[in-house]
Amino acid sequence: MKIGIGLPNQVRDVRPQVIPEWAARAEDAGFSTLGTVGRMAYPGVMDTVALAAAAGATKSIGLISNILIATAWPATLLAKEIAAIDGVSGGRLTLGIGVGLRSDDFVVDGLGTAGRGHRMDAALETYRDVWNGAPVGGGDNPAVTPDTRQVPLLFGGMSPAAYARMARWGQGYIAGSVPAAMAGQFFDAARAAWQQEGRDGAPRLVAIAYFALTDPDTGRRKVGDYYANTGEFTEMVVNSMSATPDEVRSTVKAFHDLGVDELVLNPTTDELDDIGRLADIVL
């Protein structure tokens, strides 16, 4: 199982200037991937901006959004942004997407929570066409450069439609930020959808879990703030955050035992020292 680390882009009141250095240190430490968590209505750094900054600050580490709220974006605009980030990185980006949940994250006129599943299905067609170089805007010009590829897609969500979308369009599935004991059923559903679709092999399975080693109390407070107003889920996320080396090791083992391909450990503070501390434990 590969071990990645999240960027602190959605830690409340993150210092934006930390992100490039965080990315460079994570690459030097040997993590497999840099991940982002995405919301609009929250005082952080946009996923696309964080990923672009990380692409420019690194040379080889993977990049992944886990997850980006795709339906909150105009599809052509997002496709162009993602193609550019992937191109700048030299083809290191995986786009992890979901339909979103919180109504306040839908800030673009005409793109609300209603119909977002159907909007996602249409957007996937648009992404493919844009990345293939189809003209946009009613003229003759494509939105992307000639070397643009079909960016690999991963999907989050727990509905039958989400699993079906993953099996049809994606390379795999990203589970939500739940303990391994709960995530197993979601990975099983992803595997089942993959087989039902008749796909060869197995889906790529990615898990996320939260940690804070330098300042656990602040980490718990900030991750609790991020998931505020989600009822019992808030307490579950806070309680499952790893704050000691033994807790980190236990989390890693639990996801490894599920057969997960990659675990991305997301920070709950922007303490740069946590990168080295985590690397000493898991790499």
C-alpha atoms as a PDB file:
ATOM      1  CA  MET A   1       0.000   0.000   0.000  1.00  0.00           C
ATOM      2  CA  LYS A   2       1.309   3.434  -0.970  1.00  0.00           C
ATOM      3  CA  ILE A   3       1.289   6.233   1.589  1.00  0.00           C
ATOM      4  CA  GLY A   4       0.480   9.786   0.510  1.00  0.00           C
ATOM      5  CA  ILE A   5       0.059  12.981   2.455  1.00  0.00           C
ATOM      6  CA  GLY A   6      -2.520  15.716   2.084  1.00  0.00           C
ATOM      7  CA  LEU A   7      -1.816  19.374   1.514  1.00  0.00           C
ATOM      8  CA  PRO A   8      -3.242  21.605   4.271  1.00  0.00           C
ATOM      9  CA  ASN A   9      -5.272  23.627   1.772  1.00  0.00           C
ATOM     10  CA  GLN A  10      -8.528  23.318   3.708  1.00  0.00           C
ATOM     11  CA  VAL A  11      -7.162  23.680   7.223  1.00  0.00           C
ATOM     12  CA  ARG A  12      -9.080  26.659   8.553  1.00  0.00           C
ATOM     13  CA  ASP A  13      -7.095  29.883   8.035  1.00  0.00           C
ATOM     14  CA  VAL A  14      -4.172  28.001   6.480  1.00  0.00           C
ATOM     15  CA  ARG A  15      -1.140  30.127   5.638  1.00  0.00           C
ATOM     16  CA  PRO A  16      -1.218  29.895   1.807  1.00  0.00           C
ATOM     17  CA  GLN A  17       2.531  30.434   1.484  1.00  0.00           C
ATOM     18  CA  VAL A  18       3.088  27.121   3.295  1.00  0.00           C
ATOM     19  CA  ILE A  19       1.670  25.036   0.450  1.00  0.00           C
ATOM     20  CA  PRO A  20       4.623  25.052  -1.997  1.00  0.00           C
ATOM     21  CA  GLU A  21       7.106  24.281   0.786  1.00  0.00           C
ATOM     22  CA  TRP A  22       4.803  21.570   2.148  1.00  0.00           C
ATOM     23  CA  ALA A  23       4.710  19.975  -1.302  1.00  0.00           C
ATOM     24  CA  ALA A  24       8.476  20.084  -1.755  1.00  0.00           C
ATOM     25  CA  ARG A  25       9.156  18.639   1.707  1.00  0.00           C
ATOM     26  CA  ALA A  26       6.617  15.853   1.145  1.00  0.00           C
ATOM     27  CA  GLU A  27       8.297  14.876  -2.108  1.00  0.00           C
ATOM     28  CA  ASP A  28      11.740  14.899  -0.495  1.00  0.00           C
ATOM     29  CA  ALA A  29      10.394  12.725   2.336  1.00  0.00           C
ATOM     30  CA  GLY A  30       9.224  10.061  -0.121  1.00  0.00           C
ATOM     31  CA  PHE A  31       5.440  10.199   0.063  1.00  0.00           C
ATOM     32  CA  SER A  32       3.666   8.756  -2.965  1.00  0.00           C
ATOM     33  CA  THR A  33       1.076  11.456  -3.480  1.00  0.00           C
ATOM     34  CA  LEU A  34      -0.031  14.939  -2.441  1.00  0.00           C
ATOM     35  CA  GLY A  35      -3.787  15.236  -1.917  1.00  0.00           C
ATOM     36  CA  THR A  36      -6.281  18.046  -1.513  1.00  0.00           C
ATOM     37  CA  VAL A  37      -9.647  18.307   0.187  1.00  0.00           C
ATOM     38  CA  GLY A  38     -12.121  20.706  -1.368  1.00  0.00           C
ATOM     39  CA  ARG A  39     -14.795  23.150  -0.307  1.00  0.00           C
ATOM     40  CA  MET A  40     -15.862  26.535  -1.654  1.00  0.00           C
ATOM     41  CA  ALA A  41     -17.490  28.092   1.416  1.00  0.00           C
ATOM     42  CA  TYR A  42     -14.533  27.740   3.744  1.00  0.00           C
ATOM     43  CA  PRO A  43     -11.456  29.902   4.504  1.00  0.00           C
ATOM     44  CA  GLY A  44      -8.809  27.827   2.756  1.00  0.00           C
ATOM     45  CA  VAL A  45      -7.050  27.542  -0.601  1.00  0.00           C
ATOM     46  CA  MET A  46      -8.941  26.234  -3.627  1.00  0.00           C
ATOM     47  CA  ASP A  47      -8.045  22.668  -4.629  1.00  0.00           C
ATOM     48  CA  THR A  48      -6.986  23.685  -8.121  1.00  0.00           C
ATOM     49  CA  VAL A  49      -4.730  26.459  -6.806  1.00  0.00           C
ATOM     50  CA  ALA A  50      -3.126  24.153  -4.239  1.00  0.00           C
ATOM     51  CA  LEU A  51      -2.552  21.450  -6.838  1.00  0.00           C
ATOM     52  CA  ALA A  52      -1.060  23.944  -9.291  1.00  0.00           C
ATOM     53  CA  ALA A  53       1.269  25.273  -6.585  1.00  0.00           C
ATOM     54  CA  ALA A  54       2.300  21.724  -5.714  1.00  0.00           C
ATOM     55  CA  ALA A  55       2.879  20.882  -9.375  1.00  0.00           C
ATOM     56  CA  GLY A  56       5.254  23.808  -9.706  1.00  0.00           C
ATOM     57  CA  ALA A  57       7.119  23.003  -6.492  1.00  0.00           C
ATOM     58  CA  THR A  58       7.715  19.302  -7.225  1.00  0.00           C
ATOM     59  CA  LYS A  59       8.967  17.000  -9.968  1.00  0.00           C
ATOM     60  CA  SER A  60       7.819  13.439  -9.364  1.00  0.00           C
ATOM     61  CA  ILE A  61       5.258  13.049  -6.564  1.00  0.00           C
ATOM     62  CA  GLY A  62       1.688  12.217  -7.571  1.00  0.00           C
ATOM     63  CA  LEU A  63      -1.137  14.741  -7.236  1.00  0.00           C
ATOM     64  CA  ILE A  64      -4.751  13.928  -6.403  1.00  0.00           C
ATOM     65  CA  SER A  65      -7.914  15.787  -5.452  1.00  0.00           C
ATOM     66  CA  ASN A  66      -9.798  13.767  -2.866  1.00  0.00           C
ATOM     67  CA  ILE A  67     -12.297  15.024  -3.536  1.00  0.00           C
ATOM     68  CA  LEU A  68     -13.090  18.079  -5.631  1.00  0.00           C
ATOM     69  CA  ILE A  69     -16.754  19.132  -5.822  1.00  0.00           C
ATOM     70  CA  ALA A  70     -17.041  18.909  -9.593  1.00  0.00           C
ATOM     71  CA  THR A  71     -20.686  19.908  -9.864  1.00  0.00           C
ATOM     72  CA  ALA A  72     -19.976  23.293  -8.281  1.00  0.00           C
ATOM     73  CA  TRP A  73     -17.904  24.191 -11.362  1.00  0.00           C
ATOM     74  CA  PRO A  74     -18.895  24.955 -14.965  1.00  0.00           C
ATOM     75  CA  ALA A  75     -17.720  21.786 -16.696  1.00  0.00           C
ATOM     76  CA  THR A  76     -15.667  23.355 -19.496  1.00  0.00           C
ATOM     77  CA  LEU A  77     -13.889  25.688 -17.107  1.00  0.00           C
ATOM     78  CA  LEU A  78     -12.953  22.872 -14.743  1.00  0.00           C
ATOM     79  CA  ALA A  79     -11.798  20.669 -17.624  1.00  0.00           C
ATOM     80  CA  LYS A  80      -9.463  23.412 -18.833  1.00  0.00           C
ATOM     81  CA  GLU A  81      -8.073  24.073 -15.348  1.00  0.00           C
ATOM     82  CA  ILE A  82      -7.454  20.386 -14.691  1.00  0.00           C
ATOM     83  CA  ALA A  83      -5.789  19.859 -18.067  1.00  0.00           C
ATOM     84  CA  ALA A  84      -3.445  22.766 -17.355  1.00  0.00           C
ATOM     85  CA  ILE A  85      -2.488  21.487 -13.891  1.00  0.00           C
ATOM     86  CA  ASP A  86      -1.877  18.019 -15.302  1.00  0.00           C
ATOM     87  CA  GLY A  87       0.236  19.489 -18.089  1.00  0.00           C
ATOM     88  CA  VAL A  88       2.303  21.670 -15.748  1.00  0.00           C
ATOM     89  CA  SER A  89       2.947  18.626 -13.545  1.00  0.00           C
ATOM     90  CA  GLY A  90       4.061  16.479 -16.463  1.00  0.00           C
ATOM     91  CA  GLY A  91       1.058  14.158 -16.227  1.00  0.00           C
ATOM     92  CA  ARG A  92       1.053  13.491 -12.474  1.00  0.00           C
ATOM     93  CA  LEU A  93      -2.542  14.459 -11.663  1.00  0.00           C
ATOM     94  CA  THR A  94      -5.443  12.196 -10.790  1.00  0.00           C
ATOM     95  CA  LEU A  95      -8.799  13.956 -10.555  1.00  0.00           C
ATOM     96  CA  GLY A  96     -10.892  12.698  -7.662  1.00  0.00           C
ATOM     97  CA  ILE A  97     -14.421  14.082  -7.827  1.00  0.00           C
ATOM     98  CA  GLY A  98     -17.848  13.901  -6.232  1.00  0.00           C
ATOM     99  CA  VAL A  99     -21.209  15.629  -6.541  1.00  0.00           C
ATOM    100  CA  GLY A 100     -20.933  17.509  -3.239  1.00  0.00           C
ATOM    101  CA  LEU A 101     -23.304  17.824  -0.325  1.00  0.00           C
ATOM    102  CA  ARG A 102     -23.235  21.188   1.470  1.00  0.00           C
ATOM    103  CA  SER A 103     -25.496  23.732  -0.171  1.00  0.00           C
ATOM    104  CA  ASP A 104     -23.213  26.664   0.656  1.00  0.00           C
ATOM    105  CA  ASP A 105     -20.462  25.244  -1.548  1.00  0.00           C
ATOM    106  CA  PHE A 106     -22.548  25.872  -4.667  1.00  0.00           C
ATOM    107  CA  VAL A 107     -21.755  29.522  -5.287  1.00  0.00           C
ATOM    108  CA  VAL A 108     -22.082  29.745  -9.087  1.00  0.00           C
ATOM    109  CA  ASP A 109     -25.452  31.000 -10.337  1.00  0.00           C
ATOM    110  CA  GLY A 110     -27.405  28.167 -11.920  1.00  0.00           C
ATOM    111  CA  LEU A 111     -25.249  25.444 -10.367  1.00  0.00           C
ATOM    112  CA  GLY A 112     -27.053  24.522  -7.165  1.00  0.00           C
ATOM    113  CA  THR A 113     -27.592  21.228  -5.418  1.00  0.00           C
ATOM    114  CA  ALA A 114     -30.656  20.318  -7.492  1.00  0.00           C
ATOM    115  CA  GLY A 115     -29.891  17.965 -10.360  1.00  0.00           C
ATOM    116  CA  ARG A 116     -26.223  17.676  -9.534  1.00  0.00           C
ATOM    117  CA  GLY A 117     -26.117  13.961 -10.331  1.00  0.00           C
ATOM    118  CA  HIS A 118     -27.392  14.536 -13.863  1.00  0.00           C
ATOM    119  CA  ARG A 119     -25.046  17.506 -14.119  1.00  0.00           C
ATOM    120  CA  MET A 120     -22.104  15.287 -13.189  1.00  0.00           C
ATOM    121  CA  ASP A 121     -23.013  12.795 -15.915  1.00  0.00           C
ATOM    122  CA  ALA A 122     -23.111  15.567 -18.488  1.00  0.00           C
ATOM    123  CA  ALA A 123     -19.867  17.063 -17.162  1.00  0.00           C
ATOM    124  CA  LEU A 124     -18.012  13.796 -17.647  1.00  0.00           C
ATOM    125  CA  GLU A 125     -18.900  13.900 -21.333  1.00  0.00           C
ATOM    126  CA  THR A 126     -17.664  17.485 -21.466  1.00  0.00           C
ATOM    127  CA  TYR A 127     -14.357  16.656 -19.777  1.00  0.00           C
ATOM    128  CA  ARG A 128     -13.693  13.919 -22.315  1.00  0.00           C
ATOM    129  CA  ASP A 129     -14.500  16.175 -25.256  1.00  0.00           C
ATOM    130  CA  VAL A 130     -12.453  19.107 -23.952  1.00  0.00           C
ATOM    131  CA  TRP A 131      -9.437  16.887 -23.232  1.00  0.00           C
ATOM    132  CA  ASN A 132      -9.775  15.404 -26.726  1.00  0.00           C
ATOM    133  CA  GLY A 133      -9.384  18.919 -28.150  1.00  0.00           C
ATOM    134  CA  ALA A 134     -12.956  19.609 -29.206  1.00  0.00           C
ATOM    135  CA  PRO A 135     -13.721  23.286 -29.942  1.00  0.00           C
ATOM    136  CA  VAL A 136     -15.375  25.270 -27.160  1.00  0.00           C
ATOM    137  CA  GLY A 137     -17.411  28.444 -26.977  1.00  0.00           C
ATOM    138  CA  GLY A 138     -19.044  28.083 -30.378  1.00  0.00           C
ATOM    139  CA  GLY A 139     -15.846  28.782 -32.312  1.00  0.00           C
ATOM    140  CA  ASP A 140     -13.037  26.719 -33.776  1.00  0.00           C
ATOM    141  CA  ASN A 141     -10.560  26.847 -30.894  1.00  0.00           C
ATOM    142  CA  PRO A 142     -10.016  24.052 -28.395  1.00  0.00           C
ATOM    143  CA  ALA A 143      -9.532  24.948 -24.733  1.00  0.00           C
ATOM    144  CA  VAL A 144      -6.417  22.844 -24.218  1.00  0.00           C
ATOM    145  CA  THR A 145      -2.971  22.268 -25.681  1.00  0.00           C
ATOM    146  CA  PRO A 146      -2.343  19.431 -28.181  1.00  0.00           C
ATOM    147  CA  ASP A 147      -0.521  17.206 -25.679  1.00  0.00           C
ATOM    148  CA  THR A 148      -3.479  17.086 -23.260  1.00  0.00           C
ATOM    149  CA  ARG A 149      -4.411  13.593 -22.088  1.00  0.00           C
ATOM    150  CA  GLN A 150      -7.530  12.093 -20.590  1.00  0.00           C
ATOM    151  CA  VAL A 151      -6.832  12.811 -16.925  1.00  0.00           C
ATOM    152  CA  PRO A 152      -7.440   9.716 -14.745  1.00  0.00           C
ATOM    153  CA  LEU A 153     -10.625   9.923 -12.698  1.00  0.00           C
ATOM    154  CA  LEU A 154     -11.480   8.615  -9.256  1.00  0.00           C
ATOM    155  CA  PHE A 155     -14.921   8.974  -7.694  1.00  0.00           C
ATOM    156  CA  GLY A 156     -16.232   9.429  -4.188  1.00  0.00           C
ATOM    157  CA  GLY A 157     -19.768   8.966  -2.899  1.00  0.00           C
ATOM    158  CA  MET A 158     -21.909   6.216  -1.457  1.00  0.00           C
ATOM    159  CA  SER A 159     -24.964   6.153  -3.719  1.00  0.00           C
ATOM    160  CA  PRO A 160     -25.592   3.482  -6.367  1.00  0.00           C
ATOM    161  CA  ALA A 161     -25.220   6.206  -9.001  1.00  0.00           C
ATOM    162  CA  ALA A 162     -21.786   7.157  -7.653  1.00  0.00           C
ATOM    163  CA  TYR A 163     -20.538   3.576  -7.804  1.00  0.00           C
ATOM    164  CA  ALA A 164     -21.959   3.107 -11.298  1.00  0.00           C
ATOM    165  CA  ARG A 165     -20.293   6.342 -12.447  1.00  0.00           C
ATOM    166  CA  MET A 166     -17.003   5.157 -11.012  1.00  0.00           C
ATOM    167  CA  ALA A 167     -17.242   1.808 -12.780  1.00  0.00           C
ATOM    168  CA  ARG A 168     -18.097   3.386 -16.125  1.00  0.00           C
ATOM    169  CA  TRP A 169     -15.756   6.373 -16.177  1.00  0.00           C
ATOM    170  CA  GLY A 170     -13.119   5.960 -13.516  1.00  0.00           C
ATOM    171  CA  GLN A 171      -9.960   4.189 -12.563  1.00  0.00           C
ATOM    172  CA  GLY A 172     -11.160   3.688  -9.027  1.00  0.00           C
ATOM    173  CA  TYR A 173     -12.842   4.844  -5.864  1.00  0.00           C
ATOM    174  CA  ILE A 174     -12.036   7.180  -2.947  1.00  0.00           C
ATOM    175  CA  ALA A 175     -13.698   6.417   0.372  1.00  0.00           C
ATOM    176  CA  GLY A 176     -14.811   9.224   2.651  1.00  0.00           C
ATOM    177  CA  SER A 177     -12.938  10.195   5.789  1.00  0.00           C
ATOM    178  CA  VAL A 178     -14.274   7.336   7.916  1.00  0.00           C
ATOM    179  CA  PRO A 179     -12.440   4.707   9.980  1.00  0.00           C
ATOM    180  CA  ALA A 180     -11.293   1.580   8.204  1.00  0.00           C
ATOM    181  CA  ALA A 181     -13.929  -0.503   9.977  1.00  0.00           C
ATOM    182  CA  MET A 182     -16.589   1.530   8.194  1.00  0.00           C
ATOM    183  CA  ALA A 183     -14.760   2.088   4.903  1.00  0.00           C
ATOM    184  CA  GLY A 184     -14.568  -1.593   4.077  1.00  0.00           C
ATOM    185  CA  GLN A 185     -18.198  -1.782   2.974  1.00  0.00           C
ATOM    186  CA  PHE A 186     -17.685   1.133   0.582  1.00  0.00           C
ATOM    187  CA  PHE A 187     -14.647  -0.491  -1.022  1.00  0.00           C
ATOM    188  CA  ASP A 188     -16.608  -3.736  -1.377  1.00  0.00           C
ATOM    189  CA  ALA A 189     -19.405  -1.850  -3.133  1.00  0.00           C
ATOM    190  CA  ALA A 190     -16.859  -0.271  -5.487  1.00  0.00           C
ATOM    191  CA  ARG A 191     -15.398  -3.672  -6.338  1.00  0.00           C
ATOM    192  CA  ALA A 192     -18.876  -5.069  -6.970  1.00  0.00           C
ATOM    193  CA  ALA A 193     -19.826  -2.173  -9.269  1.00  0.00           C
ATOM    194  CA  TRP A 194     -16.568  -2.638 -11.180  1.00  0.00           C
ATOM    195  CA  GLN A 195     -17.318  -6.299 -11.791  1.00  0.00           C
ATOM    196  CA  GLN A 196     -20.928  -5.585 -12.728  1.00  0.00           C
ATOM    197  CA  GLU A 197     -19.734  -3.118 -15.352  1.00  0.00           C
ATOM    198  CA  GLY A 198     -17.507  -5.848 -16.790  1.00  0.00           C
ATOM    199  CA  ARG A 199     -14.248  -3.977 -16.216  1.00  0.00           C
ATOM    200  CA  ASP A 200     -10.996  -5.914 -16.262  1.00  0.00           C
ATOM    201  CA  GLY A 201      -8.799  -6.087 -13.197  1.00  0.00           C
ATOM    202  CA  ALA A 202      -9.799  -4.197 -10.089  1.00  0.00           C
ATOM    203  CA  PRO A 203     -10.524  -0.554  -9.259  1.00  0.00           C
ATOM    204  CA  ARG A 204      -7.841   1.573  -7.675  1.00  0.00           C
ATOM    205  CA  LEU A 205      -8.894   2.042  -4.048  1.00  0.00           C
ATOM    206  CA  VAL A 206      -7.829   5.147  -2.143  1.00  0.00           C
ATOM    207  CA  ALA A 207      -8.511   5.916   1.516  1.00  0.00           C
ATOM    208  CA  ILE A 208      -8.075   9.125   3.482  1.00  0.00           C
ATOM    209  CA  ALA A 209      -7.495   9.605   7.200  1.00  0.00           C
ATOM    210  CA  TYR A 210      -6.627  12.613   9.335  1.00  0.00           C
ATOM    211  CA  PHE A 211      -3.604  13.187  11.558  1.00  0.00           C
ATOM    212  CA  ALA A 212      -1.874  15.848  13.675  1.00  0.00           C
ATOM    213  CA  LEU A 213       1.348  15.085  15.525  1.00  0.00           C
ATOM    214  CA  THR A 214       2.878  18.437  16.516  1.00  0.00           C
ATOM    215  CA  ASP A 215      -0.304  20.025  17.892  1.00  0.00           C
ATOM    216  CA  PRO A 216      -3.081  17.410  18.226  1.00  0.00           C
ATOM    217  CA  ASP A 217      -5.442  19.653  20.187  1.00  0.00           C
ATOM    218  CA  THR A 218      -5.446  22.265  17.436  1.00  0.00           C
ATOM    219  CA  GLY A 219      -5.784  19.512  14.862  1.00  0.00           C
ATOM    220  CA  ARG A 220      -8.888  18.097  16.515  1.00  0.00           C
ATOM    221  CA  ARG A 221     -10.420  21.533  16.824  1.00  0.00           C
ATOM    222  CA  LYS A 222      -9.772  22.398  13.193  1.00  0.00           C
ATOM    223  CA  VAL A 223     -10.937  19.141  11.672  1.00  0.00           C
ATOM    224  CA  GLY A 224     -14.034  19.365  13.864  1.00  0.00           C
ATOM    225  CA  ASP A 225     -14.628  22.854  12.515  1.00  0.00           C
ATOM    226  CA  TYR A 226     -14.267  21.646   8.928  1.00  0.00           C
ATOM    227  CA  TYR A 227     -16.931  18.973   9.468  1.00  0.00           C
ATOM    228  CA  ALA A 228     -19.166  21.090  11.698  1.00  0.00           C
ATOM    229  CA  ASN A 229     -22.915  20.672  11.227  1.00  0.00           C
ATOM    230  CA  THR A 230     -22.571  17.085   9.993  1.00  0.00           C
ATOM    231  CA  GLY A 231     -24.049  15.603  13.156  1.00  0.00           C
ATOM    232  CA  GLU A 232     -22.486  12.424  14.529  1.00  0.00           C
ATOM    233  CA  PHE A 233     -20.038  12.356  11.639  1.00  0.00           C
ATOM    234  CA  THR A 234     -18.161  15.305  13.132  1.00  0.00           C
ATOM    235  CA  GLU A 235     -17.437  13.427  16.346  1.00  0.00           C
ATOM    236  CA  MET A 236     -16.428  10.307  14.428  1.00  0.00           C
ATOM    237  CA  VAL A 237     -13.870  12.193  12.327  1.00  0.00           C
ATOM    238  CA  VAL A 238     -12.428  14.001  15.346  1.00  0.00           C
ATOM    239  CA  ASN A 239     -12.159  10.788  17.355  1.00  0.00           C
ATOM    240  CA  SER A 240     -10.521   8.877  14.498  1.00  0.00           C
ATOM    241  CA  MET A 241      -7.781  11.480  13.919  1.00  0.00           C
ATOM    242  CA  SER A 242      -4.344   9.990  14.629  1.00  0.00           C
ATOM    243  CA  ALA A 243      -2.329  11.978  17.158  1.00  0.00           C
ATOM    244  CA  THR A 244       0.450   9.574  18.181  1.00  0.00           C
ATOM    245  CA  PRO A 245       2.848   7.262  16.310  1.00  0.00           C
ATOM    246  CA  ASP A 246       0.968   4.191  17.528  1.00  0.00           C
ATOM    247  CA  GLU A 247      -2.353   5.621  16.332  1.00  0.00           C
ATOM    248  CA  VAL A 248      -0.860   6.371  12.930  1.00  0.00           C
ATOM    249  CA  ARG A 249       0.542   2.849  12.643  1.00  0.00           C
ATOM    250  CA  SER A 250      -2.797   1.365  13.667  1.00  0.00           C
ATOM    251  CA  THR A 251      -4.622   3.403  11.023  1.00  0.00           C
ATOM    252  CA  VAL A 252      -2.151   2.367   8.329  1.00  0.00           C
ATOM    253  CA  LYS A 253      -2.438  -1.310   9.252  1.00  0.00           C
ATOM    254  CA  ALA A 254      -6.232  -1.198   9.283  1.00  0.00           C
ATOM    255  CA  PHE A 255      -6.422   0.187   5.753  1.00  0.00           C
ATOM    256  CA  HIS A 256      -3.669  -2.124   4.536  1.00  0.00           C
ATOM    257  CA  ASP A 257      -5.687  -5.074   5.789  1.00  0.00           C
ATOM    258  CA  LEU A 258      -8.632  -3.892   3.652  1.00  0.00           C
ATOM    259  CA  GLY A 259      -6.528  -4.222   0.499  1.00  0.00           C
ATOM    260  CA  VAL A 260      -6.407  -0.487  -0.155  1.00  0.00           C
ATOM    261  CA  ASP A 261      -3.964   0.615  -2.863  1.00  0.00           C
ATOM    262  CA  GLU A 262      -3.131   3.988  -1.333  1.00  0.00           C
ATOM    263  CA  LEU A 263      -3.773   5.798   1.930  1.00  0.00           C
ATOM    264  CA  VAL A 264      -3.549   9.589   1.953  1.00  0.00           C
ATOM    265  CA  LEU A 265      -2.995  10.953   5.458  1.00  0.00           C
ATOM    266  CA  ASN A 266      -4.511  14.424   5.594  1.00  0.00           C
ATOM    267  CA  PRO A 267      -3.125  17.067   7.961  1.00  0.00           C
ATOM    268  CA  THR A 268      -5.408  18.978  10.284  1.00  0.00           C
ATOM    269  CA  THR A 269      -2.891  21.763  10.881  1.00  0.00           C
ATOM    270  CA  ASP A 270      -0.353  23.474   8.617  1.00  0.00           C
ATOM    271  CA  GLU A 271       2.598  22.597  10.892  1.00  0.00           C
ATOM    272  CA  LEU A 272       5.439  21.812   8.480  1.00  0.00           C
ATOM    273  CA  ASP A 273       7.206  19.661  11.082  1.00  0.00           C
ATOM    274  CA  ASP A 274       4.361  17.153  10.803  1.00  0.00           C
ATOM    275  CA  ILE A 275       5.672  16.070   7.399  1.00  0.00           C
ATOM    276  CA  GLY A 276       8.940  14.753   8.790  1.00  0.00           C
ATOM    277  CA  ARG A 277       7.280  13.344  11.886  1.00  0.00           C
ATOM    278  CA  LEU A 278       4.808  11.394   9.772  1.00  0.00           C
ATOM    279  CA  ALA A 279       7.478  10.201   7.363  1.00  0.00           C
ATOM    280  CA  ASP A 280       9.529   8.811  10.250  1.00  0.00           C
ATOM    281  CA  ILE A 281       6.519   6.717  11.280  1.00  0.00           C
ATOM    282  CA  VAL A 282       5.168   5.388   7.975  1.00  0.00           C
ATOM    283  CA  LEU A 283       7.962   5.462   5.368  1.00  0.00           C
END
